[in-house]
C-alpha atoms as a PDB file:
ATOM      1  CA  MET A   1      41.622  77.116 -11.558  1.00  0.00           C
ATOM      2  CA  VAL A   2      38.316  75.743 -12.332  1.00  0.00           C
ATOM      3  CA  CYS A   3      36.003  74.524  -9.564  1.00  0.00           C
ATOM      4  CA  ALA A   4      35.227  71.295  -8.961  1.00  0.00           C
ATOM      5  CA  LEU A   5      31.638  70.377  -7.887  1.00  0.00           C
ATOM      6  CA  LYS A   6      31.111  69.205  -4.667  1.00  0.00           C
ATOM      7  CA  TYR A   7      27.772  67.590  -4.890  1.00  0.00           C
ATOM      8  CA  PRO A   8      27.024  65.413  -7.843  1.00  0.00           C
ATOM      9  CA  ARG A   9      23.387  67.078  -9.660  1.00  0.00           C
ATOM     10  CA  PRO A  10      21.059  63.749  -9.419  1.00  0.00           C
ATOM     11  CA  ILE A  11      19.953  62.048 -12.873  1.00  0.00           C
ATOM     12  CA  GLN A  12      17.132  64.086 -13.803  1.00  0.00           C
ATOM     13  CA  ALA A  13      14.935  60.738 -14.684  1.00  0.00           C
ATOM     14  CA  LEU A  14      15.142  57.024 -13.834  1.00  0.00           C
ATOM     15  CA  PRO A  15      13.922  54.561 -16.305  1.00  0.00           C
ATOM     16  CA  SER A  16      10.899  52.432 -14.456  1.00  0.00           C
ATOM     17  CA  SER A  17      13.808  49.372 -16.048  1.00  0.00           C
ATOM     18  CA  TRP A  18      15.899  50.142 -12.934  1.00  0.00           C
ATOM     19  CA  ILE A  19      13.605  49.767 -10.131  1.00  0.00           C
ATOM     20  CA  THR A  20      14.597  45.972  -8.473  1.00  0.00           C
ATOM     21  CA  SER A  21      13.588  44.339  -5.614  1.00  0.00           C
ATOM     22  CA  SER A  22      16.778  44.843  -4.474  1.00  0.00           C
ATOM     23  CA  SER A  23      17.170  46.622  -0.591  1.00  0.00           C
ATOM     24  CA  PHE A  24      17.567  49.930  -2.529  1.00  0.00           C
ATOM     25  CA  GLY A  25      15.294  50.365  -4.519  1.00  0.00           C
ATOM     26  CA  TYR A  26      16.952  50.211  -7.846  1.00  0.00           C
ATOM     27  CA  SER A  27      19.526  48.997  -9.589  1.00  0.00           C
ATOM     28  CA  PRO A  28      22.895  51.511 -10.011  1.00  0.00           C
ATOM     29  CA  VAL A  29      23.143  50.032 -13.733  1.00  0.00           C
ATOM     30  CA  PRO A  30      20.336  49.908 -16.371  1.00  0.00           C
ATOM     31  CA  LYS A  31      19.267  46.565 -17.757  1.00  0.00           C
ATOM     32  CA  ALA A  32      21.276  46.242 -21.332  1.00  0.00           C
ATOM     33  CA  SER A  33      18.157  45.799 -22.773  1.00  0.00           C
ATOM     34  CA  ALA A  34      16.138  48.721 -21.508  1.00  0.00           C
ATOM     35  CA  GLY A  35      17.994  51.064 -24.079  1.00  0.00           C
ATOM     36  CA  VAL A  36      17.910  53.556 -21.479  1.00  0.00           C
ATOM     37  CA  ARG A  37      19.352  57.004 -21.994  1.00  0.00           C
ATOM     38  CA  LEU A  38      20.411  59.286 -18.997  1.00  0.00           C
ATOM     39  CA  ILE A  39      20.014  62.922 -18.767  1.00  0.00           C
ATOM     40  CA  GLY A  40      22.078  64.552 -17.202  1.00  0.00           C
ATOM     41  CA  HIS A  41      25.749  63.844 -17.225  1.00  0.00           C
ATOM     42  CA  THR A  42      27.174  61.207 -15.201  1.00  0.00           C
ATOM     43  CA  GLY A  43      30.358  62.008 -15.596  1.00  0.00           C
ATOM     44  CA  PRO A  44      33.464  64.093 -13.675  1.00  0.00           C
ATOM     45  CA  MET A  45      31.526  67.794 -14.167  1.00  0.00           C
ATOM     46  CA  THR A  46      32.175  71.142 -12.764  1.00  0.00           C
ATOM     47  CA  ASP A  47      29.933  73.769 -11.306  1.00  0.00           C
ATOM     48  CA  ARG A  48      28.776  76.319 -13.352  1.00  0.00           C
ATOM     49  CA  ASN A  49      28.780  80.251 -13.222  1.00  0.00           C
ATOM     50  CA  VAL A  50      26.434  82.710 -14.414  1.00  0.00           C
ATOM     51  CA  LEU A  51      27.721  83.440 -17.462  1.00  0.00           C
ATOM     52  CA  GLY A  52      26.882  79.128 -17.963  1.00  0.00           C
ATOM     53  CA  GLY A  53      30.701  78.386 -18.270  1.00  0.00           C
ATOM     54  CA  PRO A  54      32.805  76.323 -15.361  1.00  0.00           C
ATOM     55  CA  LEU A  55      32.790  77.989 -12.268  1.00  0.00           C
ATOM     56  CA  GLU A  56      36.646  79.885 -11.879  1.00  0.00           C
ATOM     57  CA  SER A  57      38.210  80.341  -8.502  1.00  0.00           C
ATOM     58  CA  CYS A  58      36.966  83.620  -6.555  1.00  0.00           C
ATOM     59  CA  GLY A  59      40.355  83.902  -4.482  1.00  0.00           C
ATOM     60  CA  THR A  60      42.544  82.085  -2.263  1.00  0.00           C
ATOM     61  CA  ASP A  61      44.153  85.541  -0.707  1.00  0.00           C
ATOM     62  CA  PRO A  62      42.873  85.016   1.730  1.00  0.00           C
ATOM     63  CA  VAL A  63      41.234  81.938   1.140  1.00  0.00           C
ATOM     64  CA  THR A  64      37.409  81.957   0.484  1.00  0.00           C
ATOM     65  CA  GLY A  65      34.569  80.224  -0.188  1.00  0.00           C
ATOM     66  CA  PHE A  66      31.893  78.541   1.713  1.00  0.00           C
ATOM     67  CA  TYR A  67      33.985  75.350   1.928  1.00  0.00           C
ATOM     68  CA  ARG A  68      37.528  77.826   2.361  1.00  0.00           C
ATOM     69  CA  ASP A  69      38.490  75.992  -0.910  1.00  0.00           C
ATOM     70  CA  GLY A  70      38.589  79.287  -2.918  1.00  0.00           C
ATOM     71  CA  CYS A  71      35.379  78.762  -4.934  1.00  0.00           C
ATOM     72  CA  CYS A  72      31.891  79.802  -4.534  1.00  0.00           C
ATOM     73  CA  THR A  73      30.559  76.747  -4.323  1.00  0.00           C
ATOM     74  CA  SER A  74      27.409  75.849  -2.701  1.00  0.00           C
ATOM     75  CA  GLY A  75      25.876  72.605  -0.849  1.00  0.00           C
ATOM     76  CA  PRO A  76      23.223  71.621   1.637  1.00  0.00           C
ATOM     77  CA  GLU A  77      25.129  72.997   4.653  1.00  0.00           C
ATOM     78  CA  ASP A  78      25.610  76.337   3.065  1.00  0.00           C
ATOM     79  CA  LEU A  79      21.850  77.804   4.144  1.00  0.00           C
ATOM     80  CA  GLY A  80      23.249  81.416   3.337  1.00  0.00           C
ATOM     81  CA  SER A  81      24.463  81.107  -0.318  1.00  0.00           C
ATOM     82  CA  HIS A  82      27.949  82.007  -0.256  1.00  0.00           C
ATOM     83  CA  THR A  83      27.534  82.204  -4.033  1.00  0.00           C
ATOM     84  CA  ILE A  84      28.888  85.778  -5.544  1.00  0.00           C
ATOM     85  CA  CYS A  85      32.566  86.535  -5.495  1.00  0.00           C
ATOM     86  CA  ALA A  86      32.679  90.086  -4.864  1.00  0.00           C
ATOM     87  CA  VAL A  87      35.631  92.625  -4.924  1.00  0.00           C
ATOM     88  CA  VAL A  88      34.766  94.354  -2.024  1.00  0.00           C
ATOM     89  CA  THR A  89      34.731  97.700  -1.504  1.00  0.00           C
ATOM     90  CA  THR A  90      35.048  99.840   2.007  1.00  0.00           C
ATOM     91  CA  GLU A  91      31.451 100.794   0.946  1.00  0.00           C
ATOM     92  CA  PHE A  92      30.467  97.644   0.779  1.00  0.00           C
ATOM     93  CA  LEU A  93      32.217  96.753   3.937  1.00  0.00           C
ATOM     94  CA  ARG A  94      30.964  99.353   6.053  1.00  0.00           C
ATOM     95  CA  HIS A  95      27.557  98.478   4.851  1.00  0.00           C
ATOM     96  CA  GLN A  96      28.021  94.882   5.838  1.00  0.00           C
ATOM     97  CA  LYS A  97      28.534  95.584   9.255  1.00  0.00           C
ATOM     98  CA  THR A  98      25.646  98.154   9.701  1.00  0.00           C
ATOM     99  CA  ILE A  99      23.306  94.880   8.889  1.00  0.00           C
ATOM    100  CA  GLY A 100      25.293  92.910  11.520  1.00  0.00           C
ATOM    101  CA  ASN A 101      27.276  90.898   8.897  1.00  0.00           C
ATOM    102  CA  ASP A 102      30.895  91.912  10.447  1.00  0.00           C
ATOM    103  CA  LEU A 103      33.387  91.472   7.378  1.00  0.00           C
ATOM    104  CA  ILE A 104      36.274  93.209   9.037  1.00  0.00           C
ATOM    105  CA  THR A 105      37.032  91.969  12.233  1.00  0.00           C
ATOM    106  CA  PRO A 106      39.152  88.357  11.709  1.00  0.00           C
ATOM    107  CA  MET A 107      37.114  85.375  13.622  1.00  0.00           C
ATOM    108  CA  PRO A 108      40.031  82.702  13.519  1.00  0.00           C
ATOM    109  CA  GLN A 109      37.584  80.200  15.355  1.00  0.00           C
ATOM    110  CA  TYR A 110      35.555  80.320  11.657  1.00  0.00           C
ATOM    111  CA  ASP A 111      39.100  80.772   9.680  1.00  0.00           C
ATOM    112  CA  PHE A 112      38.012  84.550   9.087  1.00  0.00           C
ATOM    113  CA  PRO A 113      40.804  86.541   8.336  1.00  0.00           C
ATOM    114  CA  GLY A 114      38.729  89.774   8.286  1.00  0.00           C
ATOM    115  CA  LEU A 115      38.902  91.737   4.927  1.00  0.00           C
ATOM    116  CA  MET A 116      39.963  95.218   3.591  1.00  0.00           C
ATOM    117  CA  ALA A 117      38.953  96.996   0.211  1.00  0.00           C
ATOM    118  CA  GLY A 118      39.699  95.041  -3.127  1.00  0.00           C
ATOM    119  CA  ASP A 119      39.899  91.454  -1.266  1.00  0.00           C
ATOM    120  CA  ARG A 120      37.640  88.778  -3.265  1.00  0.00           C
ATOM    121  CA  TRP A 121      35.338  87.027  -1.095  1.00  0.00           C
ATOM    122  CA  CYS A 122      32.529  84.974  -1.206  1.00  0.00           C
ATOM    123  CA  VAL A 123      29.235  86.683  -0.121  1.00  0.00           C
ATOM    124  CA  THR A 124      25.851  85.557   0.753  1.00  0.00           C
ATOM    125  CA  ALA A 125      23.487  86.422  -2.551  1.00  0.00           C
ATOM    126  CA  VAL A 126      20.880  88.019  -0.337  1.00  0.00           C
ATOM    127  CA  ASN A 127      23.079  90.219   1.768  1.00  0.00           C
ATOM    128  CA  TRP A 128      24.970  91.087  -1.386  1.00  0.00           C
ATOM    129  CA  LEU A 129      21.681  92.334  -3.004  1.00  0.00           C
ATOM    130  CA  ARG A 130      20.488  94.359   0.289  1.00  0.00           C
ATOM    131  CA  ALA A 131      23.805  96.225  -0.450  1.00  0.00           C
ATOM    132  CA  ASP A 132      22.775  96.758  -3.970  1.00  0.00           C
ATOM    133  CA  ARG A 133      19.318  97.977  -2.891  1.00  0.00           C
ATOM    134  CA  ASP A 134      21.086 100.628  -0.401  1.00  0.00           C
ATOM    135  CA  GLY A 135      23.524 101.597  -3.241  1.00  0.00           C
ATOM    136  CA  ALA A 136      26.754  99.604  -1.636  1.00  0.00           C
ATOM    137  CA  ALA A 137      27.296  96.836  -3.820  1.00  0.00           C
ATOM    138  CA  ALA A 138      30.536  95.135  -4.291  1.00  0.00           C
ATOM    139  CA  TYR A 139      32.098  94.473  -7.359  1.00  0.00           C
ATOM    140  CA  VAL A 140      31.275  91.173  -8.762  1.00  0.00           C
ATOM    141  CA  VAL A 141      33.581  88.676 -10.584  1.00  0.00           C
ATOM    142  CA  LEU A 142      30.848  87.016 -12.852  1.00  0.00           C
ATOM    143  CA  ALA A 143      32.859  83.796 -14.129  1.00  0.00           C
ATOM    144  CA  SER A 144      33.251  83.132 -10.255  1.00  0.00           C
ATOM    145  CA  THR A 145      29.980  83.459  -9.087  1.00  0.00           C
ATOM    146  CA  HIS A 146      27.801  80.320  -8.788  1.00  0.00           C
ATOM    147  CA  GLU A 147      24.690  80.054 -10.931  1.00  0.00           C
ATOM    148  CA  ARG A 148      23.085  79.268  -7.718  1.00  0.00           C
ATOM    149  CA  ALA A 149      23.096  82.711  -7.193  1.00  0.00           C
ATOM    150  CA  LEU A 150      20.315  83.610  -9.874  1.00  0.00           C
ATOM    151  CA  GLU A 151      18.059  81.860  -7.766  1.00  0.00           C
ATOM    152  CA  ILE A 152      18.095  85.085  -5.681  1.00  0.00           C
ATOM    153  CA  VAL A 153      19.758  87.725  -7.924  1.00  0.00           C
ATOM    154  CA  PRO A 154      18.916  88.993 -11.467  1.00  0.00           C
ATOM    155  CA  LEU A 155      21.922  87.944 -13.836  1.00  0.00           C
ATOM    156  CA  GLU A 156      21.482  91.716 -14.891  1.00  0.00           C
ATOM    157  CA  THR A 157      21.742  93.022 -11.916  1.00  0.00           C
ATOM    158  CA  LEU A 158      24.933  91.186 -11.109  1.00  0.00           C
ATOM    159  CA  GLN A 159      26.058  92.083 -14.572  1.00  0.00           C
ATOM    160  CA  GLU A 160      25.839  96.015 -13.978  1.00  0.00           C
ATOM    161  CA  HIS A 161      28.579  95.406 -11.358  1.00  0.00           C
ATOM    162  CA  ALA A 162      30.485  93.160 -12.970  1.00  0.00           C
ATOM    163  CA  VAL A 163      34.481  93.588 -13.168  1.00  0.00           C
ATOM    164  CA  ASP A 164      37.307  91.162 -14.219  1.00  0.00           C
ATOM    165  CA  VAL A 165      40.296  90.841 -11.740  1.00  0.00           C
ATOM    166  CA  PRO A 166      42.801  88.803 -11.880  1.00  0.00           C
ATOM    167  CA  ILE A 167      43.306  86.640  -8.526  1.00  0.00           C
ATOM    168  CA  GLY A 168      47.049  88.446  -8.242  1.00  0.00           C
ATOM    169  CA  PRO A 169      49.333  90.305 -10.198  1.00  0.00           C
ATOM    170  CA  GLY A 170      51.131  87.369 -11.649  1.00  0.00           C
ATOM    171  CA  ASP A 171      47.992  87.186 -13.528  1.00  0.00           C
ATOM    172  CA  LEU A 172      48.055  90.791 -15.162  1.00  0.00           C
ATOM    173  CA  GLN A 173      48.276  90.745 -19.089  1.00  0.00           C
ATOM    174  CA  ALA A 174      50.931  93.619 -20.453  1.00  0.00           C
END
């Protein structure tokens, strides 16, 4: 499943010919004579993964993502940058608990079931990087890791822990 873009990317430049005296300060439609070429994509979009392709779902059992939509998408409310799709290990879960990020204990009030080794979960880039530096990094599904993770973690570091894991047994190829 490809993840839909939660927040549209802003158009990088608005031509001065768009500026009007309207109460909004600009016209949402360029003047026909302006010869405007929009910079950026204005149609339906998808979030991008760290490899530059469409962001794929991280997991639905349990349902992960900051927005609990199965995707490691991020927006203005996501102050922690839950952008890395991790396949968690016992070592990673223990490490997270020691730094105050208990991913094992269920918390129904946050729609959080608690994790077990092998679960796919969108984790914060900072905590994943900390685990990496402490020798306890979880595996990473690159196609399901949001490009915003690269603001915190270098691609090479993510690639060192990359794993290609199907979402479920029905997705295994014989």
